[in-house]
Amino acid sequence: MALTSQLLEILVCPETKAELVYDENRLVSTDPNSRRSYKIDDDIPVMLIEESKQLDKEEWSEVMKKYKKV
């Protein structure tokens, strides 16, 4: 994947402005209310709210635990 650490530092959730974590081939918002997941197509993050997926609480919690965000 071509996402650099500098890019990840400036990208935020477009809905809540929360920090994002890179998980496999998606970016996941750290906001516990929105729990948005943004896909990455051909190394390009798709940062459109209407194209995002809201994770259920369990899946979101597992991602956050994996990256020590909760």
PDB file of N, CA and C in Angstrom:
ATOM      1  N   MET A   1       0.845  -1.186   0.000  1.00  0.00           N
ATOM      2  CA  MET A   1       0.000   0.000   0.000  1.00  0.00           C
ATOM      3  C   MET A   1       0.880   1.235   0.000  1.00  0.00           C
ATOM      4  N   ALA A   2       0.435   2.265  -0.704  1.00  0.00           N
ATOM      5  CA  ALA A   2       1.238   3.468  -0.880  1.00  0.00           C
ATOM      6  C   ALA A   2       0.906   4.582   0.104  1.00  0.00           C
ATOM      7  N   LEU A   3       0.038   4.331   1.076  1.00  0.00           N
ATOM      8  CA  LEU A   3      -0.258   5.377   2.045  1.00  0.00           C
ATOM      9  C   LEU A   3       0.951   5.576   2.941  1.00  0.00           C
ATOM     10  N   THR A   4       1.436   6.802   2.990  1.00  0.00           N
ATOM     11  CA  THR A   4       2.600   7.096   3.817  1.00  0.00           C
ATOM     12  C   THR A   4       2.153   7.506   5.216  1.00  0.00           C
ATOM     13  N   SER A   5       3.078   7.464   6.133  1.00  0.00           N
ATOM     14  CA  SER A   5       2.750   7.883   7.497  1.00  0.00           C
ATOM     15  C   SER A   5       2.400   9.369   7.531  1.00  0.00           C
ATOM     16  N   GLN A   6       3.031  10.178   6.656  1.00  0.00           N
ATOM     17  CA  GLN A   6       2.702  11.606   6.607  1.00  0.00           C
ATOM     18  C   GLN A   6       1.264  11.823   6.146  1.00  0.00           C
ATOM     19  N   LEU A   7       0.819  11.046   5.176  1.00  0.00           N
ATOM     20  CA  LEU A   7      -0.558  11.162   4.699  1.00  0.00           C
ATOM     21  C   LEU A   7      -1.529  10.723   5.793  1.00  0.00           C
ATOM     22  N   LEU A   8      -1.213   9.634   6.456  1.00  0.00           N
ATOM     23  CA  LEU A   8      -2.086   9.155   7.526  1.00  0.00           C
ATOM     24  C   LEU A   8      -2.192  10.159   8.673  1.00  0.00           C
ATOM     25  N   GLU A   9      -1.149  10.940   8.893  1.00  0.00           N
ATOM     26  CA  GLU A   9      -1.170  11.943   9.955  1.00  0.00           C
ATOM     27  C   GLU A   9      -2.132  13.091   9.648  1.00  0.00           C
ATOM     28  N   ILE A  10      -2.348  13.393   8.369  1.00  0.00           N
ATOM     29  CA  ILE A  10      -3.211  14.534   8.035  1.00  0.00           C
ATOM     30  C   ILE A  10      -4.634  14.133   7.662  1.00  0.00           C
ATOM     31  N   LEU A  11      -4.849  12.870   7.297  1.00  0.00           N
ATOM     32  CA  LEU A  11      -6.202  12.430   6.963  1.00  0.00           C
ATOM     33  C   LEU A  11      -7.031  12.297   8.235  1.00  0.00           C
ATOM     34  N   VAL A  12      -8.258  12.760   8.170  1.00  0.00           N
ATOM     35  CA  VAL A  12      -9.203  12.613   9.282  1.00  0.00           C
ATOM     36  C   VAL A  12     -10.547  12.183   8.709  1.00  0.00           C
ATOM     37  N   CYS A  13     -11.407  11.714   9.571  1.00  0.00           N
ATOM     38  CA  CYS A  13     -12.758  11.350   9.165  1.00  0.00           C
ATOM     39  C   CYS A  13     -13.466  12.612   8.663  1.00  0.00           C
ATOM     40  N   PRO A  14     -13.995  12.601   7.450  1.00  0.00           N
ATOM     41  CA  PRO A  14     -14.668  13.806   6.940  1.00  0.00           C
ATOM     42  C   PRO A  14     -15.948  14.155   7.682  1.00  0.00           C
ATOM     43  N   GLU A  15     -16.528  13.190   8.370  1.00  0.00           N
ATOM     44  CA  GLU A  15     -17.764  13.443   9.105  1.00  0.00           C
ATOM     45  C   GLU A  15     -17.498  14.049  10.488  1.00  0.00           C
ATOM     46  N   THR A  16     -16.537  13.478  11.214  1.00  0.00           N
ATOM     47  CA  THR A  16     -16.329  13.883  12.612  1.00  0.00           C
ATOM     48  C   THR A  16     -14.983  14.553  12.867  1.00  0.00           C
ATOM     49  N   LYS A  17     -14.094  14.494  11.897  1.00  0.00           N
ATOM     50  CA  LYS A  17     -12.716  15.016  12.021  1.00  0.00           C
ATOM     51  C   LYS A  17     -11.880  14.200  13.006  1.00  0.00           C
ATOM     52  N   ALA A  18     -12.318  12.983  13.303  1.00  0.00           N
ATOM     53  CA  ALA A  18     -11.581  12.100  14.207  1.00  0.00           C
ATOM     54  C   ALA A  18     -10.383  11.489  13.489  1.00  0.00           C
ATOM     55  N   GLU A  19      -9.406  11.076  14.272  1.00  0.00           N
ATOM     56  CA  GLU A  19      -8.232  10.382  13.763  1.00  0.00           C
ATOM     57  C   GLU A  19      -8.662   9.082  13.082  1.00  0.00           C
ATOM     58  N   LEU A  20      -7.873   8.634  12.107  1.00  0.00           N
ATOM     59  CA  LEU A  20      -8.136   7.383  11.407  1.00  0.00           C
ATOM     60  C   LEU A  20      -7.016   6.394  11.681  1.00  0.00           C
ATOM     61  N   VAL A  21      -7.352   5.121  11.663  1.00  0.00           N
ATOM     62  CA  VAL A  21      -6.334   4.081  11.744  1.00  0.00           C
ATOM     63  C   VAL A  21      -6.410   3.251  10.461  1.00  0.00           C
ATOM     64  N   TYR A  22      -5.226   2.829  10.000  1.00  0.00           N
ATOM     65  CA  TYR A  22      -5.156   1.985   8.816  1.00  0.00           C
ATOM     66  C   TYR A  22      -5.305   0.544   9.254  1.00  0.00           C
ATOM     67  N   ASP A  23      -6.323  -0.135   8.741  1.00  0.00           N
ATOM     68  CA  ASP A  23      -6.589  -1.529   9.085  1.00  0.00           C
ATOM     69  C   ASP A  23      -6.824  -2.308   7.805  1.00  0.00           C
ATOM     70  N   GLU A  24      -5.832  -3.135   7.447  1.00  0.00           N
ATOM     71  CA  GLU A  24      -5.891  -3.937   6.229  1.00  0.00           C
ATOM     72  C   GLU A  24      -6.052  -3.026   5.026  1.00  0.00           C
ATOM     73  N   ASN A  25      -7.184  -3.041   4.343  1.00  0.00           N
ATOM     74  CA  ASN A  25      -7.351  -2.192   3.165  1.00  0.00           C
ATOM     75  C   ASN A  25      -8.464  -1.170   3.385  1.00  0.00           C
ATOM     76  N   ARG A  26      -8.428  -0.556   4.564  1.00  0.00           N
ATOM     77  CA  ARG A  26      -9.429   0.458   4.887  1.00  0.00           C
ATOM     78  C   ARG A  26      -8.873   1.393   5.948  1.00  0.00           C
ATOM     79  N   LEU A  27      -9.523   2.529   6.082  1.00  0.00           N
ATOM     80  CA  LEU A  27      -9.231   3.481   7.150  1.00  0.00           C
ATOM     81  C   LEU A  27     -10.452   3.501   8.055  1.00  0.00           C
ATOM     82  N   VAL A  28     -10.228   3.414   9.357  1.00  0.00           N
ATOM     83  CA  VAL A  28     -11.333   3.352  10.307  1.00  0.00           C
ATOM     84  C   VAL A  28     -11.251   4.553  11.243  1.00  0.00           C
ATOM     85  N   SER A  29     -12.376   5.239  11.377  1.00  0.00           N
ATOM     86  CA  SER A  29     -12.461   6.384  12.272  1.00  0.00           C
ATOM     87  C   SER A  29     -12.370   5.933  13.722  1.00  0.00           C
ATOM     88  N   THR A  30     -11.669   6.715  14.540  1.00  0.00           N
ATOM     89  CA  THR A  30     -11.564   6.412  15.962  1.00  0.00           C
ATOM     90  C   THR A  30     -12.770   6.947  16.736  1.00  0.00           C
ATOM     91  N   ASP A  31     -13.701   7.605  16.062  1.00  0.00           N
ATOM     92  CA  ASP A  31     -14.885   8.145  16.729  1.00  0.00           C
ATOM     93  C   ASP A  31     -15.849   7.008  17.082  1.00  0.00           C
ATOM     94  N   PRO A  32     -16.145   6.828  18.385  1.00  0.00           N
ATOM     95  CA  PRO A  32     -17.002   5.699  18.795  1.00  0.00           C
ATOM     96  C   PRO A  32     -18.468   5.850  18.402  1.00  0.00           C
ATOM     97  N   ASN A  33     -18.897   7.036  18.050  1.00  0.00           N
ATOM     98  CA  ASN A  33     -20.291   7.226  17.646  1.00  0.00           C
ATOM     99  C   ASN A  33     -20.510   6.941  16.166  1.00  0.00           C
ATOM    100  N   SER A  34     -19.607   7.409  15.317  1.00  0.00           N
ATOM    101  CA  SER A  34     -19.807   7.194  13.876  1.00  0.00           C
ATOM    102  C   SER A  34     -19.295   5.827  13.424  1.00  0.00           C
ATOM    103  N   ARG A  35     -18.141   5.395  13.977  1.00  0.00           N
ATOM    104  CA  ARG A  35     -17.538   4.093  13.633  1.00  0.00           C
ATOM    105  C   ARG A  35     -17.413   3.891  12.122  1.00  0.00           C
ATOM    106  N   ARG A  36     -17.040   4.941  11.384  1.00  0.00           N
ATOM    107  CA  ARG A  36     -16.956   4.864   9.926  1.00  0.00           C
ATOM    108  C   ARG A  36     -15.716   4.108   9.458  1.00  0.00           C
ATOM    109  N   SER A  37     -15.892   3.382   8.372  1.00  0.00           N
ATOM    110  CA  SER A  37     -14.810   2.677   7.697  1.00  0.00           C
ATOM    111  C   SER A  37     -14.777   3.161   6.249  1.00  0.00           C
ATOM    112  N   TYR A  38     -13.606   3.615   5.813  1.00  0.00           N
ATOM    113  CA  TYR A  38     -13.438   4.131   4.453  1.00  0.00           C
ATOM    114  C   TYR A  38     -12.547   3.183   3.674  1.00  0.00           C
ATOM    115  N   LYS A  39     -13.028   2.747   2.520  1.00  0.00           N
ATOM    116  CA  LYS A  39     -12.262   1.789   1.719  1.00  0.00           C
ATOM    117  C   LYS A  39     -11.096   2.484   1.021  1.00  0.00           C
ATOM    118  N   ILE A  40     -10.156   1.659   0.585  1.00  0.00           N
ATOM    119  CA  ILE A  40      -9.008   2.130  -0.179  1.00  0.00           C
ATOM    120  C   ILE A  40      -9.028   1.384  -1.502  1.00  0.00           C
ATOM    121  N   ASP A  41      -9.145   2.120  -2.596  1.00  0.00           N
ATOM    122  CA  ASP A  41      -9.162   1.536  -3.941  1.00  0.00           C
ATOM    123  C   ASP A  41      -7.903   1.937  -4.682  1.00  0.00           C
ATOM    124  N   ASP A  42      -7.151   0.954  -5.143  1.00  0.00           N
ATOM    125  CA  ASP A  42      -5.917   1.213  -5.886  1.00  0.00           C
ATOM    126  C   ASP A  42      -5.013   2.194  -5.155  1.00  0.00           C
ATOM    127  N   ASP A  43      -4.833   1.975  -3.863  1.00  0.00           N
ATOM    128  CA  ASP A  43      -3.986   2.799  -2.996  1.00  0.00           C
ATOM    129  C   ASP A  43      -4.497   4.224  -2.798  1.00  0.00           C
ATOM    130  N   ILE A  44      -5.762   4.467  -3.102  1.00  0.00           N
ATOM    131  CA  ILE A  44      -6.354   5.793  -2.921  1.00  0.00           C
ATOM    132  C   ILE A  44      -7.512   5.678  -1.932  1.00  0.00           C
ATOM    133  N   PRO A  45      -7.414   6.387  -0.805  1.00  0.00           N
ATOM    134  CA  PRO A  45      -8.516   6.353   0.161  1.00  0.00           C
ATOM    135  C   PRO A  45      -9.762   7.035  -0.408  1.00  0.00           C
ATOM    136  N   VAL A  46     -10.885   6.373  -0.275  1.00  0.00           N
ATOM    137  CA  VAL A  46     -12.169   6.931  -0.720  1.00  0.00           C
ATOM    138  C   VAL A  46     -12.806   7.576   0.514  1.00  0.00           C
ATOM    139  N   MET A  47     -12.640   8.885   0.629  1.00  0.00           N
ATOM    140  CA  MET A  47     -13.025   9.609   1.842  1.00  0.00           C
ATOM    141  C   MET A  47     -14.396  10.277   1.694  1.00  0.00           C
ATOM    142  N   LEU A  48     -15.316   9.590   1.090  1.00  0.00           N
ATOM    143  CA  LEU A  48     -16.673  10.103   0.916  1.00  0.00           C
ATOM    144  C   LEU A  48     -17.581   9.445   1.955  1.00  0.00           C
ATOM    145  N   ILE A  49     -18.288  10.251   2.712  1.00  0.00           N
ATOM    146  CA  ILE A  49     -19.158   9.717   3.764  1.00  0.00           C
ATOM    147  C   ILE A  49     -20.185   8.761   3.173  1.00  0.00           C
ATOM    148  N   GLU A  50     -20.764   9.137   2.042  1.00  0.00           N
ATOM    149  CA  GLU A  50     -21.807   8.294   1.439  1.00  0.00           C
ATOM    150  C   GLU A  50     -21.263   6.960   0.917  1.00  0.00           C
ATOM    151  N   GLU A  51     -19.945   6.842   0.753  1.00  0.00           N
ATOM    152  CA  GLU A  51     -19.343   5.581   0.317  1.00  0.00           C
ATOM    153  C   GLU A  51     -18.759   4.798   1.495  1.00  0.00           C
ATOM    154  N   SER A  52     -18.816   5.373   2.677  1.00  0.00           N
ATOM    155  CA  SER A  52     -18.257   4.700   3.853  1.00  0.00           C
ATOM    156  C   SER A  52     -19.243   3.679   4.394  1.00  0.00           C
ATOM    157  N   LYS A  53     -18.725   2.869   5.298  1.00  0.00           N
ATOM    158  CA  LYS A  53     -19.554   1.844   5.946  1.00  0.00           C
ATOM    159  C   LYS A  53     -19.489   2.098   7.448  1.00  0.00           C
ATOM    160  N   GLN A  54     -20.619   1.983   8.131  1.00  0.00           N
ATOM    161  CA  GLN A  54     -20.606   2.098   9.582  1.00  0.00           C
ATOM    162  C   GLN A  54     -20.422   0.705  10.171  1.00  0.00           C
ATOM    163  N   LEU A  55     -19.348   0.550  10.934  1.00  0.00           N
ATOM    164  CA  LEU A  55     -19.065  -0.735  11.559  1.00  0.00           C
ATOM    165  C   LEU A  55     -19.967  -0.937  12.772  1.00  0.00           C
ATOM    166  N   ASP A  56     -20.292  -2.193  13.047  1.00  0.00           N
ATOM    167  CA  ASP A  56     -21.032  -2.440  14.289  1.00  0.00           C
ATOM    168  C   ASP A  56     -20.070  -2.250  15.452  1.00  0.00           C
ATOM    169  N   LYS A  57     -20.607  -2.121  16.653  1.00  0.00           N
ATOM    170  CA  LYS A  57     -19.788  -1.782  17.824  1.00  0.00           C
ATOM    171  C   LYS A  57     -18.708  -2.827  18.094  1.00  0.00           C
ATOM    172  N   GLU A  58     -19.035  -4.089  17.905  1.00  0.00           N
ATOM    173  CA  GLU A  58     -18.060  -5.151  18.173  1.00  0.00           C
ATOM    174  C   GLU A  58     -16.881  -5.090  17.209  1.00  0.00           C
ATOM    175  N   GLU A  59     -17.172  -4.965  15.914  1.00  0.00           N
ATOM    176  CA  GLU A  59     -16.096  -4.916  14.924  1.00  0.00           C
ATOM    177  C   GLU A  59     -15.227  -3.684  15.140  1.00  0.00           C
ATOM    178  N   TRP A  60     -15.877  -2.524  15.384  1.00  0.00           N
ATOM    179  CA  TRP A  60     -15.132  -1.294  15.619  1.00  0.00           C
ATOM    180  C   TRP A  60     -14.228  -1.437  16.849  1.00  0.00           C
ATOM    181  N   SER A  61     -14.760  -2.014  17.917  1.00  0.00           N
ATOM    182  CA  SER A  61     -13.978  -2.198  19.145  1.00  0.00           C
ATOM    183  C   SER A  61     -12.764  -3.085  18.913  1.00  0.00           C
ATOM    184  N   GLU A  62     -12.927  -4.138  18.131  1.00  0.00           N
ATOM    185  CA  GLU A  62     -11.803  -5.023  17.820  1.00  0.00           C
ATOM    186  C   GLU A  62     -10.706  -4.284  17.062  1.00  0.00           C
ATOM    187  N   VAL A  63     -11.097  -3.459  16.107  1.00  0.00           N
ATOM    188  CA  VAL A  63     -10.104  -2.671  15.358  1.00  0.00           C
ATOM    189  C   VAL A  63      -9.380  -1.715  16.302  1.00  0.00           C
ATOM    190  N   MET A  64     -10.113  -1.040  17.158  1.00  0.00           N
ATOM    191  CA  MET A  64      -9.500  -0.077  18.079  1.00  0.00           C
ATOM    192  C   MET A  64      -8.563  -0.785  19.069  1.00  0.00           C
ATOM    193  N   LYS A  65      -8.938  -1.954  19.543  1.00  0.00           N
ATOM    194  CA  LYS A  65      -8.080  -2.716  20.457  1.00  0.00           C
ATOM    195  C   LYS A  65      -6.782  -3.125  19.749  1.00  0.00           C
ATOM    196  N   LYS A  66      -6.918  -3.522  18.486  1.00  0.00           N
ATOM    197  CA  LYS A  66      -5.755  -3.952  17.713  1.00  0.00           C
ATOM    198  C   LYS A  66      -4.711  -2.836  17.610  1.00  0.00           C
ATOM    199  N   TYR A  67      -5.175  -1.601  17.512  1.00  0.00           N
ATOM    200  CA  TYR A  67      -4.277  -0.459  17.364  1.00  0.00           C
ATOM    201  C   TYR A  67      -4.169   0.374  18.638  1.00  0.00           C
ATOM    202  N   LYS A  68      -4.646  -0.203  19.753  1.00  0.00           N
ATOM    203  CA  LYS A  68      -4.544   0.424  21.073  1.00  0.00           C
ATOM    204  C   LYS A  68      -5.128   1.835  21.105  1.00  0.00           C
ATOM    205  N   LYS A  69      -6.321   1.972  20.544  1.00  0.00           N
ATOM    206  CA  LYS A  69      -7.002   3.263  20.508  1.00  0.00           C
ATOM    207  C   LYS A  69      -8.131   3.353  21.526  1.00  0.00           C
ATOM    208  N   VAL A  70      -8.380   2.293  22.273  1.00  0.00           N
ATOM    209  CA  VAL A  70      -9.384   2.324  23.348  1.00  0.00           C
ATOM    210  C   VAL A  70      -8.786   1.799  24.633  1.00  0.00           C
TER     211      VAL A  70
END
